[in-house]
Each structure stands twice: as structure tokens, then as C-alpha cells.
Amino acid sequence: MIARIWRGATLAEKADEYLDYMHETGVKDLHATEGNRAVYVLKRIDNDRAEFVFISLWESMESIRGFAGSEVDKAVYYPRDREFLLELEPKVTHYEVMVKP
């Protein structure tokens, strides 16, 4: 199993709206992609900033290609992400999952 991890931040006042947007876009698309096993979205408020960690679990790198395309390390963004995010991280990180429930 492979974990795909993306990080991003928005203003704290936009956090709930951005979370709703993520559900409508990325979360929905991931769940619809064959080979996706789970999606976790973590949120942390630090003063006026909301930080998100988006973790998706996959059967294989080939499954990830079904979502991300051939450049699997490139972050996938949606049209309104620029309205929310303070910066657009260009890359995601992949880890092999070594311990499972």
C-alpha cells in the first residue's frame, strides 16, 4: 500500500469553506478512482492560518497514476484552489505503508 501526502494552508477564516470544496473535488475524485483505499484530511489551526494534510491510501503506484496521471509526484489542483491556498505546493510525497490496522 502507498500513502500519497499533500500539504496546504489557507487563512483560518476560509478553512471550513475550503474543506467543503475539498470534499466536492479531490475527496470525491479520489474515492471514485480504482485502487484508492482511503482518504484522510487533517486540519490544524495555528493563529490565523489553517494547515491541511491530505493523505490518500492506494493499492499501488499504478493506481495513483489513474488519479494523478504519469507525473505521480506532481500535486493535483482544482480550479478554485488558488482562491483558498496561500501557496501551491508543486509536489506530493509518497510513502510505502509498512504497518496496517
N, C-alpha and C. Protein backbone atom coordinates (compact mmCIF):
# COMPACT_ATOMS: atom_id res chain seq x y z
N MET A 1 0.85 -1.17 0.00
CA MET A 1 0.00 0.00 0.00
C MET A 1 0.89 1.23 0.00
N ILE A 2 0.44 2.28 -0.72
CA ILE A 2 1.18 3.52 -0.84
C ILE A 2 0.35 4.66 -0.26
N ALA A 3 0.99 5.51 0.55
CA ALA A 3 0.35 6.72 1.07
C ALA A 3 0.84 7.91 0.24
N ARG A 4 -0.10 8.68 -0.26
CA ARG A 4 0.19 9.90 -1.02
C ARG A 4 -0.17 11.07 -0.11
N ILE A 5 0.79 11.98 0.15
CA ILE A 5 0.58 13.04 1.13
C ILE A 5 0.81 14.40 0.50
N TRP A 6 -0.19 15.26 0.67
CA TRP A 6 -0.12 16.65 0.20
C TRP A 6 -0.38 17.57 1.39
N ARG A 7 0.29 18.72 1.39
CA ARG A 7 0.10 19.71 2.44
C ARG A 7 -0.27 21.05 1.81
N GLY A 8 -1.14 21.78 2.50
CA GLY A 8 -1.51 23.11 2.04
C GLY A 8 -2.04 23.93 3.20
N ALA A 9 -2.13 25.24 2.98
CA ALA A 9 -2.61 26.13 4.04
C ALA A 9 -3.47 27.24 3.44
N THR A 10 -4.44 27.67 4.23
CA THR A 10 -5.32 28.77 3.87
C THR A 10 -5.50 29.65 5.10
N LEU A 11 -6.17 30.75 4.93
CA LEU A 11 -6.49 31.56 6.10
C LEU A 11 -7.50 30.80 6.96
N ALA A 12 -7.38 30.94 8.27
CA ALA A 12 -8.26 30.21 9.19
C ALA A 12 -9.72 30.53 8.92
N GLU A 13 -10.02 31.76 8.54
CA GLU A 13 -11.41 32.16 8.28
C GLU A 13 -12.00 31.45 7.06
N LYS A 14 -11.15 30.90 6.18
CA LYS A 14 -11.61 30.18 4.99
C LYS A 14 -11.55 28.66 5.14
N ALA A 15 -11.13 28.18 6.29
CA ALA A 15 -10.87 26.75 6.49
C ALA A 15 -12.09 25.88 6.23
N ASP A 16 -13.22 26.22 6.79
CA ASP A 16 -14.42 25.40 6.62
C ASP A 16 -14.89 25.39 5.17
N GLU A 17 -14.85 26.56 4.54
CA GLU A 17 -15.25 26.64 3.13
C GLU A 17 -14.31 25.82 2.25
N TYR A 18 -13.01 25.88 2.55
CA TYR A 18 -12.05 25.10 1.75
C TYR A 18 -12.24 23.60 1.98
N LEU A 19 -12.52 23.22 3.20
CA LEU A 19 -12.78 21.81 3.48
C LEU A 19 -13.99 21.31 2.69
N ASP A 20 -15.04 22.10 2.64
CA ASP A 20 -16.21 21.74 1.83
C ASP A 20 -15.81 21.59 0.36
N TYR A 21 -15.00 22.51 -0.13
CA TYR A 21 -14.54 22.46 -1.51
C TYR A 21 -13.71 21.20 -1.78
N MET A 22 -12.86 20.84 -0.83
CA MET A 22 -12.06 19.61 -0.99
C MET A 22 -12.96 18.39 -1.07
N HIS A 23 -14.02 18.37 -0.29
CA HIS A 23 -14.97 17.24 -0.35
C HIS A 23 -15.62 17.14 -1.73
N GLU A 24 -15.97 18.29 -2.31
CA GLU A 24 -16.63 18.32 -3.62
C GLU A 24 -15.69 17.94 -4.76
N THR A 25 -14.41 18.15 -4.58
CA THR A 25 -13.44 17.94 -5.67
C THR A 25 -12.53 16.75 -5.38
N GLY A 26 -11.43 16.99 -4.72
CA GLY A 26 -10.41 15.96 -4.52
C GLY A 26 -10.87 14.72 -3.80
N VAL A 27 -11.57 14.87 -2.70
CA VAL A 27 -12.03 13.70 -1.94
C VAL A 27 -12.96 12.86 -2.81
N LYS A 28 -13.91 13.52 -3.46
CA LYS A 28 -14.86 12.83 -4.33
C LYS A 28 -14.13 12.09 -5.47
N ASP A 29 -13.19 12.78 -6.12
CA ASP A 29 -12.44 12.17 -7.23
C ASP A 29 -11.59 10.99 -6.76
N LEU A 30 -10.97 11.13 -5.62
CA LEU A 30 -10.13 10.03 -5.10
C LEU A 30 -10.98 8.79 -4.83
N HIS A 31 -12.09 8.98 -4.15
CA HIS A 31 -12.96 7.84 -3.84
C HIS A 31 -13.46 7.15 -5.10
N ALA A 32 -13.59 7.90 -6.19
CA ALA A 32 -14.08 7.35 -7.45
C ALA A 32 -12.99 6.68 -8.28
N THR A 33 -11.74 6.78 -7.86
CA THR A 33 -10.62 6.22 -8.62
C THR A 33 -10.32 4.81 -8.16
N GLU A 34 -10.27 3.89 -9.11
CA GLU A 34 -9.98 2.49 -8.79
C GLU A 34 -8.61 2.38 -8.12
N GLY A 35 -8.56 1.62 -7.07
CA GLY A 35 -7.31 1.42 -6.34
C GLY A 35 -7.15 2.31 -5.13
N ASN A 36 -8.04 3.31 -4.97
CA ASN A 36 -7.99 4.14 -3.78
C ASN A 36 -8.59 3.37 -2.62
N ARG A 37 -7.88 3.33 -1.51
CA ARG A 37 -8.34 2.59 -0.33
C ARG A 37 -8.93 3.47 0.76
N ALA A 38 -8.45 4.71 0.85
CA ALA A 38 -8.95 5.61 1.91
C ALA A 38 -8.45 7.02 1.65
N VAL A 39 -9.15 7.98 2.25
CA VAL A 39 -8.75 9.38 2.21
C VAL A 39 -8.91 9.95 3.62
N TYR A 40 -7.87 10.62 4.08
CA TYR A 40 -7.90 11.31 5.37
C TYR A 40 -7.52 12.76 5.13
N VAL A 41 -8.27 13.68 5.72
CA VAL A 41 -7.94 15.09 5.66
C VAL A 41 -7.75 15.56 7.10
N LEU A 42 -6.57 16.06 7.39
CA LEU A 42 -6.24 16.56 8.73
C LEU A 42 -6.21 18.09 8.68
N LYS A 43 -6.69 18.73 9.74
CA LYS A 43 -6.70 20.20 9.81
C LYS A 43 -6.11 20.64 11.13
N ARG A 44 -5.33 21.70 11.05
CA ARG A 44 -4.72 22.28 12.25
C ARG A 44 -4.81 23.80 12.12
N ILE A 45 -5.37 24.46 13.12
CA ILE A 45 -5.43 25.92 13.13
C ILE A 45 -4.25 26.44 13.95
N ASP A 46 -3.50 27.35 13.35
CA ASP A 46 -2.37 27.98 14.03
C ASP A 46 -2.51 29.48 13.82
N ASN A 47 -3.03 30.15 14.85
CA ASN A 47 -3.34 31.58 14.77
C ASN A 47 -4.32 31.85 13.63
N ASP A 48 -3.92 32.61 12.62
CA ASP A 48 -4.84 32.96 11.53
C ASP A 48 -4.67 32.06 10.31
N ARG A 49 -3.99 30.96 10.49
CA ARG A 49 -3.67 30.05 9.38
C ARG A 49 -4.25 28.66 9.66
N ALA A 50 -4.84 28.07 8.63
CA ALA A 50 -5.35 26.69 8.73
C ALA A 50 -4.47 25.82 7.84
N GLU A 51 -3.85 24.83 8.45
CA GLU A 51 -2.98 23.91 7.71
C GLU A 51 -3.71 22.60 7.50
N PHE A 52 -3.60 22.07 6.30
CA PHE A 52 -4.23 20.80 5.94
C PHE A 52 -3.18 19.79 5.51
N VAL A 53 -3.40 18.56 5.91
CA VAL A 53 -2.62 17.43 5.41
C VAL A 53 -3.63 16.47 4.80
N PHE A 54 -3.43 16.14 3.55
CA PHE A 54 -4.34 15.31 2.77
C PHE A 54 -3.62 13.99 2.51
N ILE A 55 -4.10 12.92 3.10
CA ILE A 55 -3.46 11.61 2.97
C ILE A 55 -4.42 10.67 2.25
N SER A 56 -3.95 10.12 1.15
CA SER A 56 -4.75 9.12 0.45
C SER A 56 -3.94 7.82 0.41
N LEU A 57 -4.64 6.71 0.55
CA LEU A 57 -4.01 5.39 0.56
C LEU A 57 -4.39 4.66 -0.72
N TRP A 58 -3.41 4.00 -1.33
CA TRP A 58 -3.56 3.39 -2.64
C TRP A 58 -3.00 1.98 -2.69
N GLU A 59 -3.58 1.18 -3.56
CA GLU A 59 -3.09 -0.19 -3.77
C GLU A 59 -1.67 -0.19 -4.34
N SER A 60 -1.39 0.74 -5.26
CA SER A 60 -0.10 0.73 -5.97
C SER A 60 0.15 2.08 -6.62
N MET A 61 1.38 2.27 -7.12
CA MET A 61 1.70 3.48 -7.87
C MET A 61 0.88 3.53 -9.16
N GLU A 62 0.59 2.40 -9.73
CA GLU A 62 -0.24 2.36 -10.94
C GLU A 62 -1.63 2.91 -10.65
N SER A 63 -2.17 2.59 -9.48
CA SER A 63 -3.47 3.14 -9.08
C SER A 63 -3.40 4.66 -8.96
N ILE A 64 -2.31 5.16 -8.41
CA ILE A 64 -2.13 6.61 -8.26
C ILE A 64 -2.11 7.28 -9.63
N ARG A 65 -1.49 6.63 -10.61
CA ARG A 65 -1.47 7.18 -11.97
C ARG A 65 -2.88 7.37 -12.53
N GLY A 66 -3.81 6.52 -12.10
CA GLY A 66 -5.19 6.65 -12.53
C GLY A 66 -5.82 7.95 -12.07
N PHE A 67 -5.31 8.50 -10.98
CA PHE A 67 -5.79 9.78 -10.47
C PHE A 67 -4.90 10.94 -10.94
N ALA A 68 -3.60 10.79 -10.76
CA ALA A 68 -2.67 11.90 -10.93
C ALA A 68 -2.06 12.00 -12.32
N GLY A 69 -2.17 10.96 -13.13
CA GLY A 69 -1.51 10.96 -14.42
C GLY A 69 -0.09 10.43 -14.32
N SER A 70 0.68 10.60 -15.37
CA SER A 70 2.02 10.00 -15.43
C SER A 70 3.01 10.65 -14.47
N GLU A 71 2.81 11.92 -14.13
CA GLU A 71 3.71 12.60 -13.19
C GLU A 71 3.14 12.45 -11.77
N VAL A 72 3.35 11.28 -11.19
CA VAL A 72 2.70 10.96 -9.92
C VAL A 72 3.15 11.84 -8.75
N ASP A 73 4.33 12.44 -8.84
CA ASP A 73 4.81 13.30 -7.76
C ASP A 73 4.30 14.73 -7.85
N LYS A 74 3.62 15.05 -8.94
CA LYS A 74 3.09 16.40 -9.13
C LYS A 74 1.75 16.52 -8.41
N ALA A 75 1.57 17.62 -7.66
CA ALA A 75 0.32 17.87 -6.95
C ALA A 75 -0.81 18.11 -7.95
N VAL A 76 -2.00 17.64 -7.61
CA VAL A 76 -3.19 17.85 -8.44
C VAL A 76 -4.00 18.99 -7.81
N TYR A 77 -4.27 20.02 -8.61
CA TYR A 77 -5.05 21.15 -8.11
C TYR A 77 -6.33 21.31 -8.93
N TYR A 78 -7.31 21.94 -8.30
CA TYR A 78 -8.61 22.17 -8.90
C TYR A 78 -8.78 23.68 -9.14
N PRO A 79 -9.75 24.06 -10.00
CA PRO A 79 -9.86 25.46 -10.43
C PRO A 79 -9.91 26.51 -9.31
N ARG A 80 -10.60 26.24 -8.22
CA ARG A 80 -10.74 27.25 -7.16
C ARG A 80 -9.67 27.17 -6.08
N ASP A 81 -8.73 26.25 -6.17
CA ASP A 81 -7.70 26.14 -5.14
C ASP A 81 -6.95 27.45 -4.92
N ARG A 82 -6.70 28.18 -6.00
CA ARG A 82 -5.96 29.45 -5.88
C ARG A 82 -6.72 30.49 -5.04
N GLU A 83 -8.05 30.37 -4.98
CA GLU A 83 -8.84 31.29 -4.16
C GLU A 83 -8.59 31.06 -2.67
N PHE A 84 -8.21 29.85 -2.30
CA PHE A 84 -8.07 29.48 -0.90
C PHE A 84 -6.62 29.38 -0.43
N LEU A 85 -5.79 28.75 -1.21
CA LEU A 85 -4.45 28.38 -0.74
C LEU A 85 -3.48 29.56 -0.72
N LEU A 86 -2.66 29.60 0.31
CA LEU A 86 -1.65 30.65 0.43
C LEU A 86 -0.50 30.43 -0.54
N GLU A 87 -0.25 29.19 -0.89
CA GLU A 87 0.74 28.84 -1.92
C GLU A 87 0.38 27.47 -2.47
N LEU A 88 0.85 27.18 -3.67
CA LEU A 88 0.56 25.89 -4.31
C LEU A 88 1.83 25.05 -4.29
N GLU A 89 1.84 24.08 -3.40
CA GLU A 89 2.99 23.17 -3.35
C GLU A 89 3.06 22.39 -4.66
N PRO A 90 4.19 22.35 -5.32
CA PRO A 90 4.26 21.67 -6.62
C PRO A 90 4.27 20.15 -6.53
N LYS A 91 4.70 19.61 -5.40
CA LYS A 91 4.89 18.16 -5.29
C LYS A 91 4.14 17.57 -4.10
N VAL A 92 3.86 16.28 -4.22
CA VAL A 92 3.35 15.49 -3.11
C VAL A 92 4.45 14.51 -2.72
N THR A 93 4.24 13.81 -1.62
CA THR A 93 5.21 12.82 -1.16
C THR A 93 4.52 11.47 -1.07
N HIS A 94 5.23 10.43 -1.45
CA HIS A 94 4.70 9.06 -1.37
C HIS A 94 5.52 8.26 -0.38
N TYR A 95 4.81 7.45 0.39
CA TYR A 95 5.45 6.55 1.35
C TYR A 95 4.86 5.16 1.19
N GLU A 96 5.69 4.17 1.36
CA GLU A 96 5.20 2.80 1.43
C GLU A 96 4.67 2.58 2.83
N VAL A 97 3.46 2.08 2.94
CA VAL A 97 2.83 1.82 4.24
C VAL A 97 3.38 0.50 4.77
N MET A 98 4.02 0.55 5.92
CA MET A 98 4.68 -0.62 6.48
C MET A 98 3.87 -1.32 7.57
N VAL A 99 3.00 -0.57 8.24
CA VAL A 99 2.16 -1.15 9.29
C VAL A 99 0.72 -0.77 8.98
N LYS A 100 -0.14 -1.75 8.96
CA LYS A 100 -1.57 -1.54 8.64
C LYS A 100 -2.41 -2.04 9.81
N PRO A 101 -3.64 -1.49 9.94
CA PRO A 101 -4.52 -1.97 11.00
C PRO A 101 -4.90 -3.42 10.81
